[in-house]
């Protein structure tokens, strides 16, 4: 016997998935995280001495929090757009991989997204 979930028409109205729940402002979140990343990289390069505690904190924030956040929002945005038939396809893997090291690649993703959709 198959263990599939029932079709949405068989669910109670409160249990039906709402497509608007997932469309979120993913590109805006990615843009803000990228701007924060750029700001912290500038602070790191211009103001902080290598090896100091503030340097380690700033580096940790932009490399371990902000860069993965941009990659994750890129995936979520493309997942929602793919469901609508407008995604960038397998190129999202390249964009997300690059975003882990250089989040401003989100600008190229936004351009590709505009061309593709």
PDB file of N, CA and C in Angstrom:
ATOM      1  N   UNK A   1       0.833  -1.166   0.000  1.00  0.00           N
ATOM      2  CA  UNK A   1       0.000   0.000   0.000  1.00  0.00           C
ATOM      3  C   UNK A   1       0.893   1.250   0.000  1.00  0.00           C
ATOM      4  N   UNK A   2       0.539   2.243  -0.761  1.00  0.00           N
ATOM      5  CA  UNK A   2       1.299   3.478  -0.870  1.00  0.00           C
ATOM      6  C   UNK A   2       1.026   4.383   0.333  1.00  0.00           C
ATOM      7  N   UNK A   3       2.062   5.078   0.771  1.00  0.00           N
ATOM      8  CA  UNK A   3       1.912   5.982   1.920  1.00  0.00           C
ATOM      9  C   UNK A   3       1.987   7.439   1.443  1.00  0.00           C
ATOM     10  N   UNK A   4       1.315   7.753   0.375  1.00  0.00           N
ATOM     11  CA  UNK A   4       1.305   9.127  -0.113  1.00  0.00           C
ATOM     12  C   UNK A   4       0.342   9.964   0.708  1.00  0.00           C
ATOM     13  N   UNK A   5       0.581  11.249   0.729  1.00  0.00           N
ATOM     14  CA  UNK A   5      -0.337  12.131   1.442  1.00  0.00           C
ATOM     15  C   UNK A   5      -1.587  12.332   0.583  1.00  0.00           C
ATOM     16  N   UNK A   6      -2.714  12.609   1.220  1.00  0.00           N
ATOM     17  CA  UNK A   6      -3.948  12.796   0.457  1.00  0.00           C
ATOM     18  C   UNK A   6      -3.861  14.055  -0.408  1.00  0.00           C
ATOM     19  N   UNK A   7      -4.643  14.119  -1.471  1.00  0.00           N
ATOM     20  CA  UNK A   7      -4.632  15.324  -2.313  1.00  0.00           C
ATOM     21  C   UNK A   7      -5.138  16.521  -1.505  1.00  0.00           C
ATOM     22  N   UNK A   8      -4.721  17.727  -1.876  1.00  0.00           N
ATOM     23  CA  UNK A   8      -5.138  18.912  -1.116  1.00  0.00           C
ATOM     24  C   UNK A   8      -6.652  19.067  -0.986  1.00  0.00           C
ATOM     25  N   UNK A   9      -7.398  18.568  -1.964  1.00  0.00           N
ATOM     26  CA  UNK A   9      -8.855  18.702  -1.879  1.00  0.00           C
ATOM     27  C   UNK A   9      -9.435  17.856  -0.752  1.00  0.00           C
ATOM     28  N   UNK A  10      -8.720  16.818  -0.314  1.00  0.00           N
ATOM     29  CA  UNK A  10      -9.200  15.957   0.756  1.00  0.00           C
ATOM     30  C   UNK A  10      -8.770  16.454   2.137  1.00  0.00           C
ATOM     31  N   UNK A  11      -7.950  17.470   2.199  1.00  0.00           N
ATOM     32  CA  UNK A  11      -7.474  17.988   3.473  1.00  0.00           C
ATOM     33  C   UNK A  11      -8.409  19.054   4.027  1.00  0.00           C
ATOM     34  N   UNK A  12      -8.369  19.201   5.330  1.00  0.00           N
ATOM     35  CA  UNK A  12      -9.100  20.279   5.988  1.00  0.00           C
ATOM     36  C   UNK A  12      -8.499  21.601   5.509  1.00  0.00           C
ATOM     37  N   UNK A  13      -9.288  22.658   5.344  1.00  0.00           N
ATOM     38  CA  UNK A  13      -8.744  23.924   4.829  1.00  0.00           C
ATOM     39  C   UNK A  13      -7.534  24.450   5.601  1.00  0.00           C
ATOM     40  N   UNK A  14      -7.467  24.216   6.900  1.00  0.00           N
ATOM     41  CA  UNK A  14      -6.331  24.691   7.677  1.00  0.00           C
ATOM     42  C   UNK A  14      -5.075  23.843   7.441  1.00  0.00           C
ATOM     43  N   UNK A  15      -5.233  22.637   6.923  1.00  0.00           N
ATOM     44  CA  UNK A  15      -4.105  21.748   6.677  1.00  0.00           C
ATOM     45  C   UNK A  15      -3.570  21.841   5.249  1.00  0.00           C
ATOM     46  N   UNK A  16      -4.266  22.525   4.383  1.00  0.00           N
ATOM     47  CA  UNK A  16      -3.821  22.659   2.999  1.00  0.00           C
ATOM     48  C   UNK A  16      -2.611  23.576   2.926  1.00  0.00           C
ATOM     49  N   UNK A  17      -1.638  23.222   2.099  1.00  0.00           N
ATOM     50  CA  UNK A  17      -0.463  24.097   1.974  1.00  0.00           C
ATOM     51  C   UNK A  17      -0.834  25.412   1.292  1.00  0.00           C
ATOM     52  N   UNK A  18      -0.315  26.476   1.815  1.00  0.00           N
ATOM     53  CA  UNK A  18      -0.554  27.798   1.236  1.00  0.00           C
ATOM     54  C   UNK A  18       0.664  28.176   0.396  1.00  0.00           C
ATOM     55  N   UNK A  19       0.502  28.300  -0.917  1.00  0.00           N
ATOM     56  CA  UNK A  19       1.666  28.601  -1.760  1.00  0.00           C
ATOM     57  C   UNK A  19       2.327  29.926  -1.391  1.00  0.00           C
ATOM     58  N   UNK A  20       1.582  30.860  -0.831  1.00  0.00           N
ATOM     59  CA  UNK A  20       2.155  32.148  -0.463  1.00  0.00           C
ATOM     60  C   UNK A  20       3.104  32.030   0.726  1.00  0.00           C
ATOM     61  N   UNK A  21       3.045  30.918   1.469  1.00  0.00           N
ATOM     62  CA  UNK A  21       3.915  30.749   2.627  1.00  0.00           C
ATOM     63  C   UNK A  21       5.382  30.638   2.239  1.00  0.00           C
ATOM     64  N   UNK A  22       5.683  30.160   1.053  1.00  0.00           N
ATOM     65  CA  UNK A  22       7.060  29.881   0.685  1.00  0.00           C
ATOM     66  C   UNK A  22       7.649  30.877  -0.302  1.00  0.00           C
ATOM     67  N   UNK A  23       6.851  31.796  -0.807  1.00  0.00           N
ATOM     68  CA  UNK A  23       7.364  32.701  -1.829  1.00  0.00           C
ATOM     69  C   UNK A  23       8.227  33.796  -1.238  1.00  0.00           C
ATOM     70  N   UNK A  24       8.186  34.026   0.012  1.00  0.00           N
ATOM     71  CA  UNK A  24       8.979  34.971   0.782  1.00  0.00           C
ATOM     72  C   UNK A  24       9.892  35.919   0.029  1.00  0.00           C
ATOM     73  N   UNK A  25      10.473  36.829   0.719  1.00  0.00           N
ATOM     74  CA  UNK A  25      11.370  37.824   0.101  1.00  0.00           C
ATOM     75  C   UNK A  25      12.802  37.311   0.018  1.00  0.00           C
ATOM     76  N   UNK A  26      13.003  36.158  -0.609  1.00  0.00           N
ATOM     77  CA  UNK A  26      14.314  35.511  -0.580  1.00  0.00           C
ATOM     78  C   UNK A  26      15.402  36.343  -1.223  1.00  0.00           C
ATOM     79  N   UNK A  27      15.105  36.982  -2.326  1.00  0.00           N
ATOM     80  CA  UNK A  27      16.139  37.776  -2.995  1.00  0.00           C
ATOM     81  C   UNK A  27      16.494  39.015  -2.171  1.00  0.00           C
ATOM     82  N   UNK A  28      15.513  39.594  -1.501  1.00  0.00           N
ATOM     83  CA  UNK A  28      15.786  40.752  -0.632  1.00  0.00           C
ATOM     84  C   UNK A  28      16.653  40.338   0.557  1.00  0.00           C
ATOM     85  N   UNK A  29      16.373  39.189   1.137  1.00  0.00           N
ATOM     86  CA  UNK A  29      17.187  38.682   2.249  1.00  0.00           C
ATOM     87  C   UNK A  29      18.614  38.440   1.769  1.00  0.00           C
ATOM     88  N   UNK A  30      18.756  37.847   0.598  1.00  0.00           N
ATOM     89  CA  UNK A  30      20.094  37.593   0.048  1.00  0.00           C
ATOM     90  C   UNK A  30      20.831  38.903  -0.231  1.00  0.00           C
ATOM     91  N   UNK A  31      20.120  39.901  -0.731  1.00  0.00           N
ATOM     92  CA  UNK A  31      20.747  41.196  -1.009  1.00  0.00           C
ATOM     93  C   UNK A  31      21.219  41.865   0.281  1.00  0.00           C
ATOM     94  N   UNK A  32      20.397  41.836   1.316  1.00  0.00           N
ATOM     95  CA  UNK A  32      20.797  42.437   2.599  1.00  0.00           C
ATOM     96  C   UNK A  32      21.981  41.695   3.214  1.00  0.00           C
ATOM     97  N   UNK A  33      21.963  40.369   3.146  1.00  0.00           N
ATOM     98  CA  UNK A  33      23.087  39.587   3.679  1.00  0.00           C
ATOM     99  C   UNK A  33      24.357  39.858   2.875  1.00  0.00           C
ATOM    100  N   UNK A  34      24.229  40.061   1.575  1.00  0.00           N
ATOM    101  CA  UNK A  34      25.395  40.367   0.746  1.00  0.00           C
ATOM    102  C   UNK A  34      25.959  41.744   1.084  1.00  0.00           C
ATOM    103  N   UNK A  35      25.072  42.706   1.305  1.00  0.00           N
ATOM    104  CA  UNK A  35      25.547  44.042   1.704  1.00  0.00           C
ATOM    105  C   UNK A  35      26.248  43.988   3.055  1.00  0.00           C
ATOM    106  N   UNK A  36      25.696  43.229   3.995  1.00  0.00           N
ATOM    107  CA  UNK A  36      26.341  43.069   5.301  1.00  0.00           C
ATOM    108  C   UNK A  36      27.696  42.377   5.130  1.00  0.00           C
ATOM    109  N   UNK A  37      27.764  41.372   4.249  1.00  0.00           N
ATOM    110  CA  UNK A  37      29.016  40.672   3.982  1.00  0.00           C
ATOM    111  C   UNK A  37      30.063  41.642   3.432  1.00  0.00           C
ATOM    112  N   UNK A  38      29.657  42.462   2.466  1.00  0.00           N
ATOM    113  CA  UNK A  38      30.588  43.434   1.884  1.00  0.00           C
ATOM    114  C   UNK A  38      31.077  44.425   2.940  1.00  0.00           C
ATOM    115  N   UNK A  39      30.171  44.884   3.801  1.00  0.00           N
ATOM    116  CA  UNK A  39      30.557  45.813   4.863  1.00  0.00           C
ATOM    117  C   UNK A  39      31.548  45.187   5.834  1.00  0.00           C
ATOM    118  N   UNK A  40      31.291  43.954   6.246  1.00  0.00           N
ATOM    119  CA  UNK A  40      32.198  43.292   7.182  1.00  0.00           C
ATOM    120  C   UNK A  40      33.553  42.971   6.549  1.00  0.00           C
ATOM    121  N   UNK A  41      33.545  42.614   5.273  1.00  0.00           N
ATOM    122  CA  UNK A  41      34.818  42.371   4.584  1.00  0.00           C
ATOM    123  C   UNK A  41      35.619  43.671   4.522  1.00  0.00           C
ATOM    124  N   UNK A  42      34.951  44.787   4.248  1.00  0.00           N
ATOM    125  CA  UNK A  42      35.643  46.078   4.206  1.00  0.00           C
ATOM    126  C   UNK A  42      36.222  46.423   5.583  1.00  0.00           C
ATOM    127  N   UNK A  43      35.441  46.206   6.637  1.00  0.00           N
ATOM    128  CA  UNK A  43      35.929  46.458   7.999  1.00  0.00           C
ATOM    129  C   UNK A  43      37.122  45.558   8.297  1.00  0.00           C
ATOM    130  N   UNK A  44      37.017  44.309   7.919  1.00  0.00           N
ATOM    131  CA  UNK A  44      38.099  43.343   8.147  1.00  0.00           C
ATOM    132  C   UNK A  44      39.380  43.794   7.460  1.00  0.00           C
ATOM    133  N   UNK A  45      39.278  44.198   6.216  1.00  0.00           N
ATOM    134  CA  UNK A  45      40.468  44.541   5.427  1.00  0.00           C
ATOM    135  C   UNK A  45      41.084  45.881   5.848  1.00  0.00           C
ATOM    136  N   UNK A  46      40.234  46.842   6.239  1.00  0.00           N
ATOM    137  CA  UNK A  46      40.721  48.193   6.484  1.00  0.00           C
ATOM    138  C   UNK A  46      41.036  48.506   7.951  1.00  0.00           C
ATOM    139  N   UNK A  47      40.275  47.945   8.880  1.00  0.00           N
ATOM    140  CA  UNK A  47      40.372  48.404  10.259  1.00  0.00           C
ATOM    141  C   UNK A  47      40.928  47.402  11.263  1.00  0.00           C
ATOM    142  N   UNK A  48      40.803  46.125  10.999  1.00  0.00           N
ATOM    143  CA  UNK A  48      41.121  45.143  12.026  1.00  0.00           C
ATOM    144  C   UNK A  48      42.493  44.514  11.814  1.00  0.00           C
ATOM    145  N   UNK A  49      43.179  44.303  12.924  1.00  0.00           N
ATOM    146  CA  UNK A  49      44.487  43.646  12.882  1.00  0.00           C
ATOM    147  C   UNK A  49      44.285  42.140  12.857  1.00  0.00           C
ATOM    148  N   UNK A  50      44.995  41.476  11.969  1.00  0.00           N
ATOM    149  CA  UNK A  50      44.882  40.019  11.856  1.00  0.00           C
ATOM    150  C   UNK A  50      45.266  39.357  13.170  1.00  0.00           C
ATOM    151  N   UNK A  51      44.462  38.398  13.583  1.00  0.00           N
ATOM    152  CA  UNK A  51      44.736  37.650  14.795  1.00  0.00           C
ATOM    153  C   UNK A  51      44.085  38.199  16.046  1.00  0.00           C
ATOM    154  N   UNK A  52      43.457  39.375  15.959  1.00  0.00           N
ATOM    155  CA  UNK A  52      42.796  39.948  17.139  1.00  0.00           C
ATOM    156  C   UNK A  52      41.417  39.321  17.312  1.00  0.00           C
ATOM    157  N   UNK A  53      40.851  39.496  18.478  1.00  0.00           N
ATOM    158  CA  UNK A  53      39.511  38.945  18.740  1.00  0.00           C
ATOM    159  C   UNK A  53      38.434  39.558  17.849  1.00  0.00           C
ATOM    160  N   UNK A  54      38.401  40.898  17.676  1.00  0.00           N
ATOM    161  CA  UNK A  54      37.394  41.462  16.759  1.00  0.00           C
ATOM    162  C   UNK A  54      37.552  40.953  15.328  1.00  0.00           C
ATOM    163  N   UNK A  55      38.789  40.774  14.893  1.00  0.00           N
ATOM    164  CA  UNK A  55      39.051  40.250  13.553  1.00  0.00           C
ATOM    165  C   UNK A  55      38.451  38.854  13.413  1.00  0.00           C
ATOM    166  N   UNK A  56      38.661  38.003  14.426  1.00  0.00           N
ATOM    167  CA  UNK A  56      38.126  36.643  14.381  1.00  0.00           C
ATOM    168  C   UNK A  56      36.605  36.648  14.387  1.00  0.00           C
ATOM    169  N   UNK A  57      36.007  37.527  15.189  1.00  0.00           N
ATOM    170  CA  UNK A  57      34.548  37.611  15.249  1.00  0.00           C
ATOM    171  C   UNK A  57      33.963  38.053  13.909  1.00  0.00           C
ATOM    172  N   UNK A  58      34.533  39.117  13.356  1.00  0.00           N
ATOM    173  CA  UNK A  58      34.036  39.636  12.075  1.00  0.00           C
ATOM    174  C   UNK A  58      34.202  38.592  10.979  1.00  0.00           C
ATOM    175  N   UNK A  59      35.354  37.949  10.946  1.00  0.00           N
ATOM    176  CA  UNK A  59      35.591  36.916   9.932  1.00  0.00           C
ATOM    177  C   UNK A  59      34.632  35.743  10.089  1.00  0.00           C
ATOM    178  N   UNK A  60      34.377  35.353  11.307  1.00  0.00           N
ATOM    179  CA  UNK A  60      33.438  34.249  11.552  1.00  0.00           C
ATOM    180  C   UNK A  60      32.037  34.617  11.091  1.00  0.00           C
ATOM    181  N   UNK A  61      31.612  35.834  11.383  1.00  0.00           N
ATOM    182  CA  UNK A  61      30.265  36.249  10.998  1.00  0.00           C
ATOM    183  C   UNK A  61      30.113  36.252   9.487  1.00  0.00           C
ATOM    184  N   UNK A  62      31.066  36.853   8.777  1.00  0.00           N
ATOM    185  CA  UNK A  62      30.847  36.926   7.326  1.00  0.00           C
ATOM    186  C   UNK A  62      31.130  35.626   6.601  1.00  0.00           C
ATOM    187  N   UNK A  63      31.970  34.770   7.160  1.00  0.00           N
ATOM    188  CA  UNK A  63      32.247  33.525   6.442  1.00  0.00           C
ATOM    189  C   UNK A  63      31.384  32.352   6.894  1.00  0.00           C
ATOM    190  N   UNK A  64      30.978  32.329   8.161  1.00  0.00           N
ATOM    191  CA  UNK A  64      30.206  31.188   8.665  1.00  0.00           C
ATOM    192  C   UNK A  64      28.718  31.454   8.806  1.00  0.00           C
ATOM    193  N   UNK A  65      28.307  32.708   8.782  1.00  0.00           N
ATOM    194  CA  UNK A  65      26.876  33.021   8.883  1.00  0.00           C
ATOM    195  C   UNK A  65      26.316  33.649   7.611  1.00  0.00           C
ATOM    196  N   UNK A  66      26.935  34.727   7.164  1.00  0.00           N
ATOM    197  CA  UNK A  66      26.353  35.472   6.045  1.00  0.00           C
ATOM    198  C   UNK A  66      26.500  34.767   4.695  1.00  0.00           C
ATOM    199  N   UNK A  67      27.664  34.212   4.403  1.00  0.00           N
ATOM    200  CA  UNK A  67      27.847  33.538   3.114  1.00  0.00           C
ATOM    201  C   UNK A  67      26.922  32.326   2.971  1.00  0.00           C
ATOM    202  N   UNK A  68      26.812  31.442   3.975  1.00  0.00           N
ATOM    203  CA  UNK A  68      25.855  30.342   3.844  1.00  0.00           C
ATOM    204  C   UNK A  68      24.401  30.819   3.795  1.00  0.00           C
ATOM    205  N   UNK A  69      24.107  31.942   4.464  1.00  0.00           N
ATOM    206  CA  UNK A  69      22.749  32.486   4.391  1.00  0.00           C
ATOM    207  C   UNK A  69      22.412  32.888   2.962  1.00  0.00           C
ATOM    208  N   UNK A  70      23.347  33.524   2.278  1.00  0.00           N
ATOM    209  CA  UNK A  70      23.117  33.908   0.874  1.00  0.00           C
ATOM    210  C   UNK A  70      22.915  32.668   0.016  1.00  0.00           C
ATOM    211  N   UNK A  71      23.744  31.649   0.205  1.00  0.00           N
ATOM    212  CA  UNK A  71      23.606  30.413  -0.580  1.00  0.00           C
ATOM    213  C   UNK A  71      22.256  29.744  -0.311  1.00  0.00           C
ATOM    214  N   UNK A  72      21.834  29.707   0.947  1.00  0.00           N
ATOM    215  CA  UNK A  72      20.558  29.068   1.286  1.00  0.00           C
ATOM    216  C   UNK A  72      19.370  29.849   0.723  1.00  0.00           C
ATOM    217  N   UNK A  73      19.418  31.175   0.787  1.00  0.00           N
ATOM    218  CA  UNK A  73      18.309  31.954   0.230  1.00  0.00           C
ATOM    219  C   UNK A  73      18.264  31.827  -1.286  1.00  0.00           C
ATOM    220  N   UNK A  74      19.425  31.699  -1.909  1.00  0.00           N
ATOM    221  CA  UNK A  74      19.464  31.477  -3.353  1.00  0.00           C
ATOM    222  C   UNK A  74      18.760  30.165  -3.701  1.00  0.00           C
ATOM    223  N   UNK A  75      19.068  29.094  -2.954  1.00  0.00           N
ATOM    224  CA  UNK A  75      18.405  27.810  -3.178  1.00  0.00           C
ATOM    225  C   UNK A  75      16.896  27.921  -2.970  1.00  0.00           C
ATOM    226  N   UNK A  76      16.484  28.576  -1.895  1.00  0.00           N
ATOM    227  CA  UNK A  76      15.050  28.688  -1.607  1.00  0.00           C
ATOM    228  C   UNK A  76      14.344  29.497  -2.684  1.00  0.00           C
ATOM    229  N   UNK A  77      14.952  30.594  -3.101  1.00  0.00           N
ATOM    230  CA  UNK A  77      14.348  31.407  -4.148  1.00  0.00           C
ATOM    231  C   UNK A  77      14.203  30.616  -5.435  1.00  0.00           C
ATOM    232  N   UNK A  78      15.236  29.880  -5.817  1.00  0.00           N
ATOM    233  CA  UNK A  78      15.152  29.116  -7.060  1.00  0.00           C
ATOM    234  C   UNK A  78      14.190  27.941  -6.927  1.00  0.00           C
ATOM    235  N   UNK A  79      14.081  27.356  -5.736  1.00  0.00           N
ATOM    236  CA  UNK A  79      13.129  26.258  -5.537  1.00  0.00           C
ATOM    237  C   UNK A  79      11.704  26.739  -5.747  1.00  0.00           C
ATOM    238  N   UNK A  80      11.391  27.895  -5.202  1.00  0.00           N
ATOM    239  CA  UNK A  80      10.046  28.451  -5.376  1.00  0.00           C
ATOM    240  C   UNK A  80       9.808  28.811  -6.841  1.00  0.00           C
ATOM    241  N   UNK A  81      10.812  29.391  -7.488  1.00  0.00           N
ATOM    242  CA  UNK A  81      10.659  29.771  -8.904  1.00  0.00           C
ATOM    243  C   UNK A  81      10.587  28.551  -9.807  1.00  0.00           C
ATOM    244  N   UNK A  82      11.297  27.470  -9.469  1.00  0.00           N
ATOM    245  CA  UNK A  82      11.236  26.247 -10.263  1.00  0.00           C
ATOM    246  C   UNK A  82       9.849  25.640 -10.193  1.00  0.00           C
ATOM    247  N   UNK A  83       9.208  25.720  -9.049  1.00  0.00           N
ATOM    248  CA  UNK A  83       7.838  25.208  -8.917  1.00  0.00           C
ATOM    249  C   UNK A  83       6.893  25.968  -9.842  1.00  0.00           C
ATOM    250  N   UNK A  84       7.206  27.247 -10.107  1.00  0.00           N
ATOM    251  CA  UNK A  84       6.400  28.053 -11.031  1.00  0.00           C
ATOM    252  C   UNK A  84       6.859  27.903 -12.474  1.00  0.00           C
ATOM    253  N   UNK A  85       7.952  27.158 -12.705  1.00  0.00           N
ATOM    254  CA  UNK A  85       8.467  26.956 -14.058  1.00  0.00           C
ATOM    255  C   UNK A  85       9.452  28.012 -14.513  1.00  0.00           C
ATOM    256  N   UNK A  86       9.966  28.843 -13.583  1.00  0.00           N
ATOM    257  CA  UNK A  86      10.857  29.942 -13.961  1.00  0.00           C
ATOM    258  C   UNK A  86      12.250  29.844 -13.363  1.00  0.00           C
ATOM    259  N   UNK A  87      12.666  28.707 -12.864  1.00  0.00           N
ATOM    260  CA  UNK A  87      13.960  28.588 -12.187  1.00  0.00           C
ATOM    261  C   UNK A  87      15.132  28.637 -13.149  1.00  0.00           C
ATOM    262  N   UNK A  88      16.333  28.694 -12.590  1.00  0.00           N
ATOM    263  CA  UNK A  88      17.549  28.733 -13.413  1.00  0.00           C
ATOM    264  C   UNK A  88      18.142  27.343 -13.605  1.00  0.00           C
ATOM    265  N   UNK A  89      17.477  26.318 -13.106  1.00  0.00           N
ATOM    266  CA  UNK A  89      17.919  24.937 -13.332  1.00  0.00           C
ATOM    267  C   UNK A  89      19.121  24.560 -12.492  1.00  0.00           C
ATOM    268  N   UNK A  90      19.999  23.775 -13.094  1.00  0.00           N
ATOM    269  CA  UNK A  90      21.156  23.268 -12.362  1.00  0.00           C
ATOM    270  C   UNK A  90      22.219  24.333 -12.132  1.00  0.00           C
ATOM    271  N   UNK A  91      22.089  25.485 -12.748  1.00  0.00           N
ATOM    272  CA  UNK A  91      23.042  26.578 -12.524  1.00  0.00           C
ATOM    273  C   UNK A  91      22.985  27.063 -11.076  1.00  0.00           C
ATOM    274  N   UNK A  92      21.887  26.780 -10.381  1.00  0.00           N
ATOM    275  CA  UNK A  92      21.781  27.213  -8.981  1.00  0.00           C
ATOM    276  C   UNK A  92      22.872  26.582  -8.127  1.00  0.00           C
ATOM    277  N   UNK A  93      23.313  25.371  -8.493  1.00  0.00           N
ATOM    278  CA  UNK A  93      24.395  24.721  -7.744  1.00  0.00           C
ATOM    279  C   UNK A  93      25.692  25.507  -7.888  1.00  0.00           C
ATOM    280  N   UNK A  94      25.958  25.995  -9.070  1.00  0.00           N
ATOM    281  CA  UNK A  94      27.159  26.792  -9.303  1.00  0.00           C
ATOM    282  C   UNK A  94      27.070  28.100  -8.532  1.00  0.00           C
ATOM    283  N   UNK A  95      25.928  28.782  -8.643  1.00  0.00           N
ATOM    284  CA  UNK A  95      25.745  30.043  -7.919  1.00  0.00           C
ATOM    285  C   UNK A  95      25.875  29.842  -6.414  1.00  0.00           C
ATOM    286  N   UNK A  96      25.258  28.795  -5.877  1.00  0.00           N
ATOM    287  CA  UNK A  96      25.315  28.555  -4.435  1.00  0.00           C
ATOM    288  C   UNK A  96      26.733  28.197  -3.995  1.00  0.00           C
ATOM    289  N   UNK A  97      27.437  27.409  -4.790  1.00  0.00           N
ATOM    290  CA  UNK A  97      28.817  27.067  -4.451  1.00  0.00           C
ATOM    291  C   UNK A  97      29.716  28.283  -4.430  1.00  0.00           C
ATOM    292  N   UNK A  98      29.559  29.146  -5.405  1.00  0.00           N
ATOM    293  CA  UNK A  98      30.353  30.374  -5.442  1.00  0.00           C
ATOM    294  C   UNK A  98      29.932  31.304  -4.296  1.00  0.00           C
ATOM    295  N   UNK A  99      28.641  31.353  -3.989  1.00  0.00           N
ATOM    296  CA  UNK A  99      28.139  32.229  -2.921  1.00  0.00           C
ATOM    297  C   UNK A  99      28.709  31.865  -1.560  1.00  0.00           C
ATOM    298  N   UNK A 100      29.110  30.624  -1.371  1.00  0.00           N
ATOM    299  CA  UNK A 100      29.726  30.247  -0.100  1.00  0.00           C
ATOM    300  C   UNK A 100      31.063  30.954   0.130  1.00  0.00           C
ATOM    301  N   UNK A 101      31.713  31.381  -0.959  1.00  0.00           N
ATOM    302  CA  UNK A 101      33.000  32.067  -0.854  1.00  0.00           C
ATOM    303  C   UNK A 101      32.914  33.537  -1.259  1.00  0.00           C
ATOM    304  N   UNK A 102      31.970  33.863  -2.145  1.00  0.00           N
ATOM    305  CA  UNK A 102      31.838  35.232  -2.652  1.00  0.00           C
ATOM    306  C   UNK A 102      30.359  35.546  -2.880  1.00  0.00           C
ATOM    307  N   UNK A 103      29.636  35.935  -1.808  1.00  0.00           N
ATOM    308  CA  UNK A 103      28.196  36.176  -1.914  1.00  0.00           C
ATOM    309  C   UNK A 103      27.744  37.204  -2.960  1.00  0.00           C
ATOM    310  N   UNK A 104      28.563  38.191  -3.346  1.00  0.00           N
ATOM    311  CA  UNK A 104      28.088  39.099  -4.391  1.00  0.00           C
ATOM    312  C   UNK A 104      27.735  38.431  -5.715  1.00  0.00           C
ATOM    313  N   UNK A 105      27.989  37.125  -5.855  1.00  0.00           N
ATOM    314  CA  UNK A 105      27.557  36.406  -7.050  1.00  0.00           C
ATOM    315  C   UNK A 105      26.028  36.440  -7.170  1.00  0.00           C
ATOM    316  N   UNK A 106      25.351  36.831  -6.126  1.00  0.00           N
ATOM    317  CA  UNK A 106      23.889  36.928  -6.154  1.00  0.00           C
ATOM    318  C   UNK A 106      23.445  37.931  -7.225  1.00  0.00           C
ATOM    319  N   UNK A 107      24.295  38.886  -7.569  1.00  0.00           N
ATOM    320  CA  UNK A 107      23.976  39.841  -8.642  1.00  0.00           C
ATOM    321  C   UNK A 107      23.882  39.098  -9.974  1.00  0.00           C
ATOM    322  N   UNK A 108      24.823  38.189 -10.230  1.00  0.00           N
ATOM    323  CA  UNK A 108      24.778  37.392 -11.461  1.00  0.00           C
ATOM    324  C   UNK A 108      23.563  36.473 -11.451  1.00  0.00           C
ATOM    325  N   UNK A 109      23.247  35.897 -10.279  1.00  0.00           N
ATOM    326  CA  UNK A 109      22.057  35.045 -10.172  1.00  0.00           C
ATOM    327  C   UNK A 109      20.796  35.847 -10.483  1.00  0.00           C
ATOM    328  N   UNK A 110      20.694  37.056  -9.937  1.00  0.00           N
ATOM    329  CA  UNK A 110      19.508  37.879 -10.194  1.00  0.00           C
ATOM    330  C   UNK A 110      19.388  38.208 -11.679  1.00  0.00           C
ATOM    331  N   UNK A 111      20.510  38.474 -12.336  1.00  0.00           N
ATOM    332  CA  UNK A 111      20.477  38.714 -13.782  1.00  0.00           C
ATOM    333  C   UNK A 111      20.053  37.478 -14.553  1.00  0.00           C
ATOM    334  N   UNK A 112      20.594  36.323 -14.178  1.00  0.00           N
ATOM    335  CA  UNK A 112      20.216  35.066 -14.832  1.00  0.00           C
ATOM    336  C   UNK A 112      18.736  34.777 -14.593  1.00  0.00           C
ATOM    337  N   UNK A 113      18.287  35.022 -13.393  1.00  0.00           N
ATOM    338  CA  UNK A 113      16.881  34.798 -13.043  1.00  0.00           C
ATOM    339  C   UNK A 113      15.972  35.676 -13.894  1.00  0.00           C
ATOM    340  N   UNK A 114      16.386  36.925 -14.104  1.00  0.00           N
ATOM    341  CA  UNK A 114      15.570  37.843 -14.907  1.00  0.00           C
ATOM    342  C   UNK A 114      15.517  37.398 -16.361  1.00  0.00           C
ATOM    343  N   UNK A 115      16.646  36.927 -16.879  1.00  0.00           N
ATOM    344  CA  UNK A 115      16.703  36.441 -18.266  1.00  0.00           C
ATOM    345  C   UNK A 115      15.900  35.145 -18.416  1.00  0.00           C
ATOM    346  N   UNK A 116      16.031  34.238 -17.428  1.00  0.00           N
ATOM    347  CA  UNK A 116      15.352  32.947 -17.496  1.00  0.00           C
ATOM    348  C   UNK A 116      13.835  33.074 -17.297  1.00  0.00           C
ATOM    349  N   UNK A 117      13.418  34.056 -16.538  1.00  0.00           N
ATOM    350  CA  UNK A 117      11.989  34.144 -16.210  1.00  0.00           C
ATOM    351  C   UNK A 117      11.354  35.250 -16.918  1.00  0.00           C
TER     352      UNK A 117
END
